[in-house]
Amino acid sequence: MKVLIITYYWPPAGGSGVQRWLKFVKYLQEFGIEPVVYTVDNVTYPREDKTLINEVSTNIKVLKQPIWEPLNLLFWKNNKPQKNGFANLSKSRFLSFIRGNFFIPDPKVFWVKSSVRYLQTYLNSNKIDTIISTGPPHSMHLIAQKLHQKNNIKWIADLRDPWSDLYFNKDFNQLSFAKNKNKRLEEAVLKNADCVLTVSNSLKEEFAKAASRVELITNGFDDEVLTKNRIELDHKFSISYIGLLPKQSNPTILFKVLKELCSQNENFKKELKLNFIGDISNEIQTEVINHQLIDNVNFVGYVDHQKAIEYQIKAQVLLLLIPNVEKSKGILTGKIFEYLAAKRPILAIGPEQGDLAAIIKETNAGVVVGFDNEEKLSTEIVGLYHQFKEGNLEVNSKNIEKYLRKELTKKLASIIKSLHS
């Protein structure tokens, strides 16, 4: 059985968007399914991780076609890509308005027609049993939808994030016509796909309002996270955040609590180290300065995936921040699963009821503190610090094996095969 996977993010792309299907492709052949990947050829990703190229088996067929990126003209200077990684958001409200109202569903929409032509030629001479599209960018689904209609091939649409309800859409200042068009495109994909995949229970419930079949396959972690190399824990009381950190996840409550604890306990102040590894919003850096924590904070910047894993494993505490937005209960960042594999205590700030809280409770991996619960946050940090001082800061997590990428790929293979039974 052969599947065609349409994805914008593929090595050397870095960041979270590439991980899900890179890992699925890695294991699909073990379950009797041959993947063929279709991706972009000449793109310069906001973040690159060339180490991920080594994870693509040489026997995997990868089809590539050039893409024209209109944002090269609007957002970038001298053809140098913007390195913030925040979904083509710009500091210019005008440019964000253009992005949100004239590139629908996203700037990759200009790749749809040429991709359909190229892939139709490929399909004319190659048998494909199932087409799989993954977004964002959601234009990938528009390519798959046209091929599905032309060829009557089974189609799985994988929505890793919401579409019309994505929390940062409001930053695009979309007019009603743009919102309506996005909604129509989304509904067409949900209704026409033979199966919709998504990553959280809340998204599954939302998409099921329009789709006839929705399956949940969460993100996960790979065996590589369980590194065989012994990595020594940080000597200081480190609270580490690894990943993309947008302004909607700005943890003002954390900075306020840490400032108070530092003022109350000189030893705590000396031993505290707050690490931010990845693309961090400027608002967070401003908050650090305003709360007089600059001497306790380490901004590392973007690192490759293997280095990020090392930071996770050596942290005393892993910090997880959920955007404080509407429908935050359904936000389940992929980072949680690698955090689970690192087996360090997780301190999450987000909704105390929801998809994330359910997984944290199920795995006994840490604690979730509400967005405004300063008292609980302070108590939890003090407790973690005392365990650190006593030399017994650890976590006894459980039930994490089902989030191994290989196990998740087994479920994916079963879904693919079910479409042909």
Protein backbone atom coordinates (compact mmCIF):
# COMPACT_ATOMS: atom_id res chain seq x y z
CA MET A 1 0.00 0.00 0.00
CA LYS A 2 1.36 3.42 -0.97
CA VAL A 3 0.48 6.87 0.46
CA LEU A 4 1.28 10.34 -0.84
CA ILE A 5 2.03 12.79 1.98
CA ILE A 6 1.72 16.50 1.16
CA THR A 7 3.64 18.61 3.67
CA TYR A 8 5.24 22.05 3.61
CA TYR A 9 7.57 21.29 6.52
CA TRP A 10 10.29 18.77 5.78
CA PRO A 11 14.00 18.62 6.61
CA PRO A 12 15.97 20.83 6.71
CA ALA A 13 13.01 22.66 8.29
CA GLY A 14 13.45 23.09 12.02
CA GLY A 15 10.88 23.72 14.74
CA SER A 16 7.83 21.74 15.76
CA GLY A 17 5.98 21.64 12.42
CA VAL A 18 8.33 19.10 10.85
CA GLN A 19 8.42 16.53 13.63
CA ARG A 20 5.04 14.81 13.31
CA TRP A 21 5.26 13.59 9.72
CA LEU A 22 9.02 13.12 9.71
CA LYS A 23 8.49 10.51 12.43
CA PHE A 24 5.43 8.92 10.81
CA VAL A 25 7.38 8.49 7.58
CA LYS A 26 10.25 7.01 9.58
CA TYR A 27 8.11 4.10 10.80
CA LEU A 28 5.31 3.58 8.24
CA GLN A 29 7.18 0.99 6.22
CA GLU A 30 7.35 -1.27 9.27
CA PHE A 31 3.55 -1.51 9.06
CA GLY A 32 3.35 -2.34 5.37
CA ILE A 33 2.82 1.18 4.03
CA GLU A 34 5.18 2.91 1.60
CA PRO A 35 5.25 6.70 1.99
CA VAL A 36 5.93 9.13 -0.84
CA VAL A 37 6.55 12.69 0.36
CA TYR A 38 5.71 15.83 -1.61
CA THR A 39 7.25 19.05 -0.31
CA VAL A 40 8.82 22.35 -1.31
CA ASP A 41 12.12 22.62 -3.15
CA ASN A 42 13.54 26.11 -2.94
CA VAL A 43 12.22 27.39 0.37
CA THR A 44 14.25 29.05 3.10
CA TYR A 45 12.56 28.10 6.37
CA PRO A 46 12.48 30.56 9.27
CA ARG A 47 14.39 27.94 11.25
CA GLU A 48 16.50 25.11 9.87
CA ASP A 49 17.83 21.96 11.51
CA LYS A 50 20.05 20.10 9.07
CA THR A 51 20.54 17.25 11.55
CA LEU A 52 17.00 16.10 10.75
CA ILE A 53 18.03 15.26 7.18
CA ASN A 54 19.76 12.20 8.60
CA GLU A 55 16.41 10.84 9.78
CA VAL A 56 15.03 10.56 6.24
CA SER A 57 15.75 7.06 4.97
CA THR A 58 17.44 6.93 1.57
CA ASN A 59 14.71 4.59 0.29
CA ILE A 60 11.97 7.19 0.84
CA LYS A 61 10.77 8.85 -2.37
CA VAL A 62 10.68 12.63 -1.87
CA LEU A 63 9.08 14.73 -4.61
CA LYS A 64 9.86 18.45 -4.63
CA GLN A 65 8.61 21.47 -6.52
CA PRO A 66 9.59 25.16 -6.23
CA ILE A 67 7.28 27.51 -4.38
CA TRP A 68 6.85 31.25 -4.80
CA GLU A 69 6.72 32.95 -1.43
CA PRO A 70 4.95 36.35 -1.73
CA LEU A 71 6.01 37.22 1.80
CA ASN A 72 9.58 37.43 0.50
CA LEU A 73 8.48 40.76 -0.93
CA LEU A 74 6.36 41.93 1.98
CA PHE A 75 8.10 40.78 5.14
CA TRP A 76 11.71 40.22 4.31
CA LYS A 77 14.49 42.57 3.38
CA ASN A 78 17.20 41.67 0.90
CA ASN A 79 15.64 38.21 0.58
CA LYS A 80 16.80 37.29 4.07
CA PRO A 81 14.08 35.37 5.89
CA GLN A 82 12.49 36.72 8.99
CA LYS A 83 13.76 34.62 11.88
CA ASN A 84 10.96 35.01 14.38
CA GLY A 85 9.02 31.90 13.35
CA PHE A 86 5.66 33.39 14.34
CA ALA A 87 3.49 32.32 11.41
CA ASN A 88 4.34 35.26 9.17
CA LEU A 89 3.26 37.82 11.73
CA SER A 90 4.82 41.22 11.28
CA LYS A 91 5.44 44.11 13.63
CA SER A 92 3.69 46.18 10.98
CA ARG A 93 -0.08 46.08 11.49
CA PHE A 94 -0.55 46.94 7.82
CA LEU A 95 1.52 43.98 6.62
CA SER A 96 -0.26 41.65 9.02
CA PHE A 97 -3.56 42.95 7.64
CA ILE A 98 -2.40 42.17 4.09
CA ARG A 99 -1.32 38.70 5.17
CA GLY A 100 -4.63 37.95 6.87
CA ASN A 101 -7.00 39.31 4.23
CA PHE A 102 -5.36 38.64 0.87
CA PHE A 103 -3.48 35.37 1.41
CA ILE A 104 -6.24 32.93 2.31
CA PRO A 105 -5.86 30.51 3.95
CA ASP A 106 -2.14 31.35 3.96
CA PRO A 107 0.60 32.60 1.61
CA LYS A 108 1.27 29.03 0.40
CA VAL A 109 -2.00 29.19 -1.58
CA PHE A 110 0.04 30.24 -4.64
CA TRP A 111 1.61 26.76 -4.63
CA VAL A 112 -1.72 24.96 -5.02
CA LYS A 113 -2.26 25.07 -8.81
CA SER A 114 1.28 24.14 -9.80
CA SER A 115 1.33 21.36 -7.20
CA VAL A 116 -1.93 19.89 -8.48
CA ARG A 117 -0.57 19.86 -12.03
CA TYR A 118 2.71 18.25 -10.98
CA LEU A 119 1.12 15.63 -8.74
CA GLN A 120 -1.57 14.78 -11.28
CA THR A 121 1.18 13.90 -13.75
CA TYR A 122 2.78 11.74 -11.07
CA LEU A 123 -0.53 10.02 -10.28
CA ASN A 124 -1.12 9.28 -13.96
CA SER A 125 1.85 6.91 -13.95
CA ASN A 126 2.11 5.87 -10.28
CA LYS A 127 -0.46 4.10 -8.15
CA ILE A 128 -1.27 5.85 -4.88
CA ASP A 129 -3.82 4.36 -2.49
CA THR A 130 -4.24 7.28 -0.09
CA ILE A 131 -3.41 10.98 -0.13
CA ILE A 132 -2.51 12.62 3.19
CA SER A 133 -2.26 16.38 3.68
CA THR A 134 -0.99 18.02 6.84
CA GLY A 135 -1.43 21.63 7.91
CA PRO A 136 -0.80 24.32 8.81
CA PRO A 137 -0.15 25.71 6.33
CA HIS A 138 -3.68 24.67 5.42
CA SER A 139 -3.12 25.27 1.71
CA MET A 140 -1.72 21.72 1.72
CA HIS A 141 -5.29 20.51 2.19
CA LEU A 142 -6.44 22.44 -0.88
CA ILE A 143 -3.89 20.55 -2.99
CA ALA A 144 -5.08 17.21 -1.62
CA GLN A 145 -8.74 18.12 -2.02
CA LYS A 146 -8.36 18.80 -5.75
CA LEU A 147 -6.43 15.58 -6.31
CA HIS A 148 -9.01 13.64 -4.29
CA GLN A 149 -11.81 15.01 -6.45
CA LYS A 150 -10.02 14.36 -9.75
CA ASN A 151 -8.84 10.84 -8.98
CA ASN A 152 -11.27 9.42 -6.45
CA ILE A 153 -8.36 8.49 -4.17
CA LYS A 154 -8.92 8.20 -0.43
CA TRP A 155 -7.87 11.32 1.46
CA ILE A 156 -6.79 11.93 5.06
CA ALA A 157 -6.56 15.57 6.20
CA ASP A 158 -4.30 16.04 9.23
CA LEU A 159 -5.00 19.29 11.10
CA ARG A 160 -2.25 19.83 13.65
CA ASP A 161 -3.77 23.15 14.71
CA PRO A 162 -7.16 24.84 14.40
CA TRP A 163 -7.88 26.60 11.11
CA SER A 164 -10.38 29.47 11.33
CA ASP A 165 -10.18 29.44 15.14
CA LEU A 166 -6.39 29.61 15.46
CA TYR A 167 -5.67 31.99 18.32
CA PHE A 168 -3.29 34.34 16.50
CA ASN A 169 -5.68 34.89 13.58
CA LYS A 170 -6.97 37.96 15.40
CA ASP A 171 -3.54 39.56 14.95
CA PHE A 172 -4.23 39.57 11.20
CA ASN A 173 -7.22 41.89 11.69
CA GLN A 174 -9.28 39.87 9.24
CA LEU A 175 -12.34 41.45 7.67
CA SER A 176 -15.61 39.51 7.53
CA PHE A 177 -15.06 38.35 3.93
CA ALA A 178 -11.67 36.85 4.89
CA LYS A 179 -13.07 35.14 7.97
CA ASN A 180 -15.97 33.71 5.97
CA LYS A 181 -13.71 32.47 3.19
CA ASN A 182 -11.44 30.74 5.68
CA LYS A 183 -14.46 29.12 7.30
CA ARG A 184 -15.82 27.91 3.94
CA LEU A 185 -12.47 26.42 2.96
CA GLU A 186 -12.17 24.72 6.33
CA GLU A 187 -15.69 23.25 6.16
CA ALA A 188 -15.08 21.94 2.64
CA VAL A 189 -11.96 20.12 3.77
CA LEU A 190 -13.66 18.67 6.84
CA LYS A 191 -16.67 17.49 4.85
CA ASN A 192 -14.83 16.09 1.82
CA ALA A 193 -11.94 14.28 3.48
CA ASP A 194 -12.51 10.56 4.04
CA CYS A 195 -10.90 10.96 7.45
CA VAL A 196 -9.72 13.93 9.49
CA LEU A 197 -6.81 13.48 11.88
CA THR A 198 -6.06 15.83 14.73
CA VAL A 199 -3.95 16.07 17.87
CA SER A 200 -6.27 16.69 20.84
CA ASN A 201 -9.68 15.62 22.11
CA SER A 202 -11.00 19.17 22.03
CA LEU A 203 -10.05 19.60 18.37
CA LYS A 204 -11.55 16.21 17.59
CA GLU A 205 -14.88 17.32 19.08
CA GLU A 206 -14.75 20.63 17.19
CA PHE A 207 -13.96 19.07 13.80
CA ALA A 208 -16.56 16.33 14.30
CA LYS A 209 -19.27 18.98 13.94
CA ALA A 210 -18.56 19.01 10.19
CA ALA A 211 -16.52 15.89 9.44
CA SER A 212 -18.01 12.41 9.16
CA ARG A 213 -14.93 10.72 10.60
CA VAL A 214 -12.35 12.24 12.93
CA GLU A 215 -9.51 10.28 14.50
CA LEU A 216 -7.18 11.38 17.28
CA ILE A 217 -3.47 10.74 17.04
CA THR A 218 -1.56 12.96 19.43
CA ASN A 219 1.98 14.09 18.89
CA GLY A 220 4.60 12.06 20.68
CA PHE A 221 8.26 11.40 21.31
CA ASP A 222 10.86 9.20 19.69
CA ASP A 223 13.34 6.77 21.21
CA GLU A 224 16.06 9.34 20.61
CA VAL A 225 14.66 11.43 23.44
CA LEU A 226 15.52 8.60 25.81
CA THR A 227 19.17 9.23 25.15
CA LYS A 228 21.65 6.61 26.24
CA ASN A 229 24.21 9.27 27.08
CA ARG A 230 24.29 10.28 30.70
CA ILE A 231 23.50 13.98 30.95
CA GLU A 232 24.22 15.65 34.26
CA LEU A 233 21.46 17.76 35.77
CA ASP A 234 21.93 21.51 36.04
CA HIS A 235 23.71 22.47 39.24
CA LYS A 236 21.44 25.46 39.75
CA PHE A 237 17.68 25.38 40.32
CA SER A 238 16.88 25.63 36.64
CA ILE A 239 13.39 26.18 35.27
CA SER A 240 13.68 25.66 31.52
CA TYR A 241 11.35 26.44 28.64
CA ILE A 242 12.24 24.88 25.30
CA GLY A 243 10.45 25.86 22.10
CA LEU A 244 8.56 28.65 20.41
CA LEU A 245 7.19 31.20 22.89
CA PRO A 246 4.64 33.67 21.43
CA LYS A 247 3.37 36.76 23.19
CA GLN A 248 0.05 35.02 23.96
CA SER A 249 1.97 32.72 26.32
CA ASN A 250 3.71 35.54 28.18
CA PRO A 251 3.93 34.21 31.79
CA THR A 252 3.61 37.50 33.70
CA ILE A 253 2.35 35.56 36.70
CA LEU A 254 5.57 33.51 36.76
CA PHE A 255 7.82 36.56 36.69
CA LYS A 256 5.81 38.22 39.42
CA VAL A 257 6.01 35.16 41.68
CA LEU A 258 9.72 34.63 41.04
CA LYS A 259 10.48 38.28 41.82
CA GLU A 260 8.67 37.94 45.15
CA LEU A 261 10.46 34.70 46.02
CA CYS A 262 13.83 36.23 45.15
CA SER A 263 13.13 39.19 47.42
CA GLN A 264 12.16 36.84 50.27
CA ASN A 265 15.01 34.33 49.98
CA GLU A 266 18.55 35.36 49.01
CA ASN A 267 19.64 31.74 48.49
CA PHE A 268 16.74 31.14 46.13
CA LYS A 269 17.75 34.22 44.17
CA LYS A 270 21.36 33.00 43.90
CA GLU A 271 20.40 29.51 42.80
CA LEU A 272 17.54 30.31 40.42
CA LYS A 273 18.22 30.05 36.71
CA LEU A 274 15.37 30.56 34.23
CA ASN A 275 16.32 29.21 30.79
CA PHE A 276 14.50 30.11 27.57
CA ILE A 277 15.67 28.00 24.63
CA GLY A 278 14.12 28.78 21.25
CA ASP A 279 12.36 31.66 19.51
CA ILE A 280 11.16 33.90 22.32
CA SER A 281 8.79 36.83 21.87
CA ASN A 282 10.21 40.27 22.63
CA GLU A 283 7.41 40.79 25.16
CA ILE A 284 8.90 38.07 27.36
CA GLN A 285 12.31 39.74 27.38
CA THR A 286 10.67 43.02 28.37
CA GLU A 287 8.84 41.32 31.25
CA VAL A 288 12.11 39.85 32.51
CA ILE A 289 13.68 43.29 32.68
CA ASN A 290 10.60 44.87 34.28
CA HIS A 291 10.60 42.24 37.04
CA GLN A 292 14.33 42.67 37.72
CA LEU A 293 15.14 39.05 36.83
CA ILE A 294 17.67 39.65 34.08
CA ASP A 295 20.54 38.20 36.16
CA ASN A 296 18.57 34.99 36.64
CA VAL A 297 17.55 34.47 33.04
CA ASN A 298 19.41 32.83 30.19
CA PHE A 299 18.11 33.40 26.63
CA VAL A 300 19.77 30.71 24.53
CA GLY A 301 17.99 31.17 21.19
CA TYR A 302 17.15 28.49 18.65
CA VAL A 303 19.07 25.20 18.82
CA ASP A 304 18.82 21.98 16.79
CA HIS A 305 16.49 19.21 17.92
CA GLN A 306 19.12 17.04 19.57
CA LYS A 307 20.45 19.98 21.57
CA ALA A 308 16.91 20.86 22.64
CA ILE A 309 16.50 17.30 23.94
CA GLU A 310 19.66 17.71 26.02
CA TYR A 311 18.34 20.92 27.57
CA GLN A 312 15.13 19.09 28.47
CA ILE A 313 16.89 16.18 30.12
CA LYS A 314 19.25 18.29 32.27
CA ALA A 315 16.65 20.81 33.50
CA GLN A 316 15.65 20.64 37.15
CA VAL A 317 12.12 21.73 36.17
CA LEU A 318 10.52 21.92 32.74
CA LEU A 319 8.29 24.93 32.13
CA LEU A 320 5.27 24.56 29.84
CA LEU A 321 3.23 27.62 28.89
CA ILE A 322 -0.19 27.51 27.22
CA PRO A 323 -1.44 30.64 25.40
CA ASN A 324 -3.94 32.53 27.54
CA VAL A 325 -6.59 32.72 24.82
CA GLU A 326 -10.12 31.60 24.11
CA LYS A 327 -10.44 27.79 23.87
CA SER A 328 -7.09 27.33 25.60
CA LYS A 329 -8.40 24.08 27.11
CA GLY A 330 -7.98 22.46 23.71
CA ILE A 331 -4.38 23.57 23.13
CA LEU A 332 -2.02 20.64 23.38
CA THR A 333 1.49 21.63 22.37
CA GLY A 334 3.65 18.86 20.95
CA LYS A 335 6.40 19.82 23.39
CA ILE A 336 4.54 18.15 26.26
CA PHE A 337 5.39 14.69 24.93
CA GLU A 338 9.12 15.23 24.75
CA TYR A 339 8.89 16.77 28.20
CA LEU A 340 7.28 13.52 29.38
CA ALA A 341 10.14 11.51 27.91
CA ALA A 342 12.75 13.71 29.61
CA LYS A 343 11.31 12.58 32.96
CA ARG A 344 11.82 15.87 34.74
CA PRO A 345 9.06 17.58 36.78
CA ILE A 346 6.75 19.63 34.56
CA LEU A 347 5.43 22.98 35.77
CA ALA A 348 2.67 24.07 33.40
CA ILE A 349 0.77 27.36 33.42
CA GLY A 350 -2.55 27.01 31.65
CA PRO A 351 -6.14 25.86 32.12
CA GLU A 352 -6.45 23.49 35.07
CA GLN A 353 -9.10 21.56 33.15
CA GLY A 354 -8.50 20.52 29.56
CA ASP A 355 -6.44 18.28 27.29
CA LEU A 356 -3.06 19.21 28.75
CA ALA A 357 -4.22 18.86 32.36
CA ALA A 358 -5.67 15.43 31.58
CA ILE A 359 -2.35 14.17 30.20
CA ILE A 360 -0.33 15.65 33.07
CA LYS A 361 -2.65 13.91 35.54
CA GLU A 362 -2.71 10.63 33.63
CA THR A 363 1.08 10.46 33.49
CA ASN A 364 1.76 11.89 36.96
CA ALA A 365 4.35 14.09 35.30
CA GLY A 366 3.87 17.40 37.08
CA VAL A 367 1.33 20.07 37.87
CA VAL A 368 -0.84 22.58 35.98
CA VAL A 369 -1.38 26.00 37.55
CA GLY A 370 -4.15 28.30 36.37
CA PHE A 371 -3.32 31.52 34.54
CA ASP A 372 -4.16 33.68 37.57
CA ASN A 373 -3.42 31.37 40.51
CA GLU A 374 -0.41 33.15 42.03
CA GLU A 375 -0.71 31.45 45.41
CA LYS A 376 -0.65 27.95 43.94
CA LEU A 377 2.21 28.82 41.61
CA SER A 378 4.29 30.18 44.47
CA THR A 379 3.58 27.09 46.59
CA GLU A 380 4.52 24.72 43.78
CA ILE A 381 7.80 26.52 43.01
CA VAL A 382 8.77 26.60 46.69
CA GLY A 383 8.03 22.89 46.96
CA LEU A 384 10.15 22.10 43.91
CA TYR A 385 12.96 24.24 45.27
CA HIS A 386 12.94 22.42 48.61
CA GLN A 387 13.14 19.07 46.82
CA PHE A 388 16.04 20.44 44.80
CA LYS A 389 17.87 21.50 47.99
CA GLU A 390 17.28 18.07 49.52
CA GLY A 391 18.61 16.35 46.41
CA ASN A 392 15.42 14.47 45.59
CA LEU A 393 13.81 16.56 42.87
CA GLU A 394 12.46 13.92 40.50
CA VAL A 395 9.24 12.69 38.93
CA ASN A 396 7.70 9.23 38.90
CA SER A 397 5.83 9.45 35.61
CA LYS A 398 3.80 6.59 34.19
CA ASN A 399 1.78 5.59 31.11
CA ILE A 400 4.03 7.47 28.68
CA GLU A 401 4.92 4.53 26.39
CA LYS A 402 1.75 4.94 24.34
CA TYR A 403 3.08 8.30 23.15
CA LEU A 404 6.09 6.72 21.45
CA ARG A 405 6.10 7.73 17.77
CA LYS A 406 6.29 4.11 16.67
CA GLU A 407 3.13 3.26 18.62
CA LEU A 408 1.35 6.27 17.16
CA THR A 409 2.44 5.28 13.65
CA LYS A 410 0.95 1.84 14.24
CA LYS A 411 -2.38 3.53 14.90
CA LEU A 412 -1.98 5.69 11.79
CA ALA A 413 -1.31 2.63 9.66
CA SER A 414 -4.45 0.99 11.01
CA ILE A 415 -6.51 4.05 10.06
CA ILE A 416 -5.05 4.14 6.54
CA LYS A 417 -5.79 0.46 6.00
CA SER A 418 -9.33 0.84 7.35
CA LEU A 419 -10.16 3.21 4.47
CA HIS A 420 -9.66 0.29 2.07
CA SER A 421 -11.34 -2.50 4.02
